[in-house]
Amino acid sequence: MLAEAATRPCELAVLPDHPTAADLEAAYVRRGAQVAMCDAARRLAVETLEAERVLIDDWLRASRPR
């Protein structure tokens, strides 16, 4: 089963109603960090699922009668 982190929408910074240039710059930097964190969480969830499936396949192969 795919981890919740792989399907959860990413949180992204939004600008206030009347943004200043500083608000824009801060949101730009914050969004970059948020996208990187979200991507890393999704990648980890997928890699974990793939590793789990490999382990299950190995176990099934090893448990078959010869």
N, C-alpha and C. Protein backbone atom coordinates (compact mmCIF):
# COMPACT_ATOMS: atom_id res chain seq x y z
N MET A 1 0.84 -1.19 0.00
CA MET A 1 0.00 0.00 0.00
C MET A 1 0.88 1.24 0.00
N LEU A 2 0.58 2.17 -0.83
CA LEU A 2 1.36 3.39 -0.97
C LEU A 2 1.15 4.28 0.25
N ALA A 3 2.24 4.80 0.78
CA ALA A 3 2.18 5.66 1.96
C ALA A 3 1.38 6.91 1.67
N GLU A 4 0.76 7.42 2.71
CA GLU A 4 -0.06 8.63 2.59
C GLU A 4 0.77 9.81 2.09
N ALA A 5 2.04 9.84 2.41
CA ALA A 5 2.92 10.94 1.99
C ALA A 5 3.02 11.04 0.47
N ALA A 6 2.79 9.94 -0.22
CA ALA A 6 2.89 9.94 -1.68
C ALA A 6 1.66 10.51 -2.36
N THR A 7 0.56 10.57 -1.66
CA THR A 7 -0.68 11.05 -2.28
C THR A 7 -1.21 12.34 -1.67
N ARG A 8 -0.63 12.76 -0.56
CA ARG A 8 -1.08 13.97 0.12
C ARG A 8 -0.70 15.20 -0.71
N PRO A 9 -1.62 16.15 -0.87
CA PRO A 9 -1.26 17.38 -1.58
C PRO A 9 -0.18 18.14 -0.82
N CYS A 10 0.70 18.77 -1.56
CA CYS A 10 1.78 19.54 -0.95
C CYS A 10 1.24 20.88 -0.45
N GLU A 11 1.75 21.29 0.70
CA GLU A 11 1.41 22.61 1.23
C GLU A 11 2.29 23.62 0.51
N LEU A 12 1.70 24.69 0.01
CA LEU A 12 2.47 25.71 -0.68
C LEU A 12 2.11 27.09 -0.13
N ALA A 13 3.13 27.90 0.05
CA ALA A 13 2.95 29.26 0.55
C ALA A 13 2.12 30.06 -0.45
N VAL A 14 1.29 30.93 0.06
CA VAL A 14 0.50 31.83 -0.79
C VAL A 14 0.79 33.27 -0.38
N LEU A 15 0.57 34.15 -1.29
CA LEU A 15 0.81 35.57 -1.01
C LEU A 15 -0.36 36.17 -0.24
N PRO A 16 -0.08 37.16 0.59
CA PRO A 16 -1.16 37.87 1.28
C PRO A 16 -1.95 38.70 0.26
N ASP A 17 -3.05 39.29 0.72
CA ASP A 17 -3.92 40.05 -0.18
C ASP A 17 -3.20 41.20 -0.89
N HIS A 18 -2.38 41.92 -0.22
CA HIS A 18 -1.68 43.05 -0.82
C HIS A 18 -0.17 42.83 -0.65
N PRO A 19 0.40 41.96 -1.47
CA PRO A 19 1.80 41.57 -1.27
C PRO A 19 2.78 42.68 -1.64
N THR A 20 3.87 42.69 -0.91
CA THR A 20 4.99 43.57 -1.23
C THR A 20 6.02 42.74 -1.97
N ALA A 21 7.05 43.41 -2.43
CA ALA A 21 8.14 42.69 -3.10
C ALA A 21 8.79 41.71 -2.12
N ALA A 22 8.89 42.11 -0.86
CA ALA A 22 9.46 41.22 0.16
C ALA A 22 8.59 39.98 0.35
N ASP A 23 7.26 40.16 0.33
CA ASP A 23 6.34 39.02 0.45
C ASP A 23 6.55 38.05 -0.71
N LEU A 24 6.70 38.60 -1.90
CA LEU A 24 6.91 37.77 -3.09
C LEU A 24 8.21 36.97 -2.97
N GLU A 25 9.28 37.63 -2.56
CA GLU A 25 10.56 36.95 -2.42
C GLU A 25 10.50 35.87 -1.34
N ALA A 26 9.88 36.18 -0.21
CA ALA A 26 9.77 35.21 0.88
C ALA A 26 8.94 34.01 0.45
N ALA A 27 7.83 34.25 -0.24
CA ALA A 27 6.98 33.15 -0.70
C ALA A 27 7.71 32.30 -1.73
N TYR A 28 8.49 32.92 -2.58
CA TYR A 28 9.25 32.20 -3.60
C TYR A 28 10.23 31.22 -2.94
N VAL A 29 10.96 31.71 -1.96
CA VAL A 29 11.93 30.87 -1.25
C VAL A 29 11.21 29.77 -0.47
N ARG A 30 10.14 30.14 0.22
CA ARG A 30 9.39 29.16 1.02
C ARG A 30 8.80 28.08 0.13
N ARG A 31 8.24 28.47 -1.00
CA ARG A 31 7.66 27.48 -1.92
C ARG A 31 8.72 26.51 -2.44
N GLY A 32 9.88 27.03 -2.74
CA GLY A 32 10.97 26.16 -3.20
C GLY A 32 11.30 25.10 -2.17
N ALA A 33 11.40 25.51 -0.92
CA ALA A 33 11.69 24.56 0.16
C ALA A 33 10.54 23.57 0.32
N GLN A 34 9.31 24.06 0.23
CA GLN A 34 8.15 23.17 0.38
C GLN A 34 8.08 22.15 -0.75
N VAL A 35 8.37 22.55 -1.96
CA VAL A 35 8.35 21.61 -3.09
C VAL A 35 9.44 20.56 -2.92
N ALA A 36 10.63 20.99 -2.48
CA ALA A 36 11.72 20.04 -2.27
C ALA A 36 11.36 19.03 -1.17
N MET A 37 10.76 19.49 -0.08
CA MET A 37 10.36 18.59 1.00
C MET A 37 9.27 17.62 0.56
N CYS A 38 8.32 18.12 -0.20
CA CYS A 38 7.22 17.28 -0.68
C CYS A 38 7.74 16.23 -1.65
N ASP A 39 8.63 16.63 -2.54
CA ASP A 39 9.20 15.70 -3.49
C ASP A 39 10.00 14.61 -2.77
N ALA A 40 10.76 15.00 -1.76
CA ALA A 40 11.55 14.03 -1.00
C ALA A 40 10.63 13.04 -0.27
N ALA A 41 9.55 13.53 0.31
CA ALA A 41 8.61 12.64 1.02
C ALA A 41 7.97 11.66 0.05
N ARG A 42 7.59 12.14 -1.12
CA ARG A 42 6.98 11.25 -2.12
C ARG A 42 7.98 10.23 -2.63
N ARG A 43 9.21 10.67 -2.88
CA ARG A 43 10.24 9.75 -3.36
C ARG A 43 10.51 8.66 -2.32
N LEU A 44 10.59 9.04 -1.06
CA LEU A 44 10.82 8.07 0.01
C LEU A 44 9.66 7.08 0.10
N ALA A 45 8.43 7.56 -0.03
CA ALA A 45 7.27 6.67 0.03
C ALA A 45 7.30 5.65 -1.11
N VAL A 46 7.64 6.10 -2.30
CA VAL A 46 7.69 5.20 -3.45
C VAL A 46 8.84 4.21 -3.31
N GLU A 47 10.01 4.69 -2.89
CA GLU A 47 11.15 3.79 -2.70
C GLU A 47 10.85 2.74 -1.63
N THR A 48 10.16 3.13 -0.58
CA THR A 48 9.81 2.20 0.49
C THR A 48 8.84 1.14 -0.04
N LEU A 49 7.86 1.56 -0.82
CA LEU A 49 6.91 0.62 -1.40
C LEU A 49 7.62 -0.37 -2.33
N GLU A 50 8.52 0.15 -3.15
CA GLU A 50 9.26 -0.74 -4.06
C GLU A 50 10.10 -1.74 -3.29
N ALA A 51 10.78 -1.29 -2.24
CA ALA A 51 11.61 -2.19 -1.43
C ALA A 51 10.74 -3.23 -0.74
N GLU A 52 9.57 -2.82 -0.26
CA GLU A 52 8.65 -3.76 0.38
C GLU A 52 8.21 -4.84 -0.59
N ARG A 53 7.91 -4.44 -1.81
CA ARG A 53 7.48 -5.41 -2.82
C ARG A 53 8.60 -6.39 -3.17
N VAL A 54 9.82 -5.91 -3.24
CA VAL A 54 10.95 -6.80 -3.52
C VAL A 54 11.09 -7.82 -2.39
N LEU A 55 10.99 -7.36 -1.15
CA LEU A 55 11.10 -8.27 -0.01
C LEU A 55 9.99 -9.32 -0.03
N ILE A 56 8.77 -8.91 -0.36
CA ILE A 56 7.64 -9.85 -0.44
C ILE A 56 7.89 -10.87 -1.55
N ASP A 57 8.34 -10.39 -2.71
CA ASP A 57 8.64 -11.31 -3.82
C ASP A 57 9.73 -12.30 -3.44
N ASP A 58 10.78 -11.81 -2.78
CA ASP A 58 11.86 -12.70 -2.34
C ASP A 58 11.34 -13.74 -1.35
N TRP A 59 10.50 -13.30 -0.43
CA TRP A 59 9.95 -14.22 0.57
C TRP A 59 9.07 -15.28 -0.10
N LEU A 60 8.25 -14.85 -1.06
CA LEU A 60 7.40 -15.82 -1.76
C LEU A 60 8.23 -16.83 -2.54
N ARG A 61 9.28 -16.36 -3.21
CA ARG A 61 10.16 -17.29 -3.93
C ARG A 61 10.82 -18.28 -2.99
N ALA A 62 11.27 -17.81 -1.85
CA ALA A 62 11.96 -18.66 -0.89
C ALA A 62 11.01 -19.65 -0.22
N SER A 63 9.73 -19.32 -0.13
CA SER A 63 8.79 -20.19 0.57
C SER A 63 8.13 -21.23 -0.34
N ARG A 64 8.38 -21.16 -1.65
CA ARG A 64 7.81 -22.14 -2.58
C ARG A 64 8.49 -23.48 -2.39
N PRO A 65 7.72 -24.56 -2.46
CA PRO A 65 8.34 -25.88 -2.39
C PRO A 65 9.21 -26.11 -3.62
N ARG A 66 10.29 -26.84 -3.43
CA ARG A 66 11.20 -27.10 -4.56
C ARG A 66 11.05 -28.47 -5.08
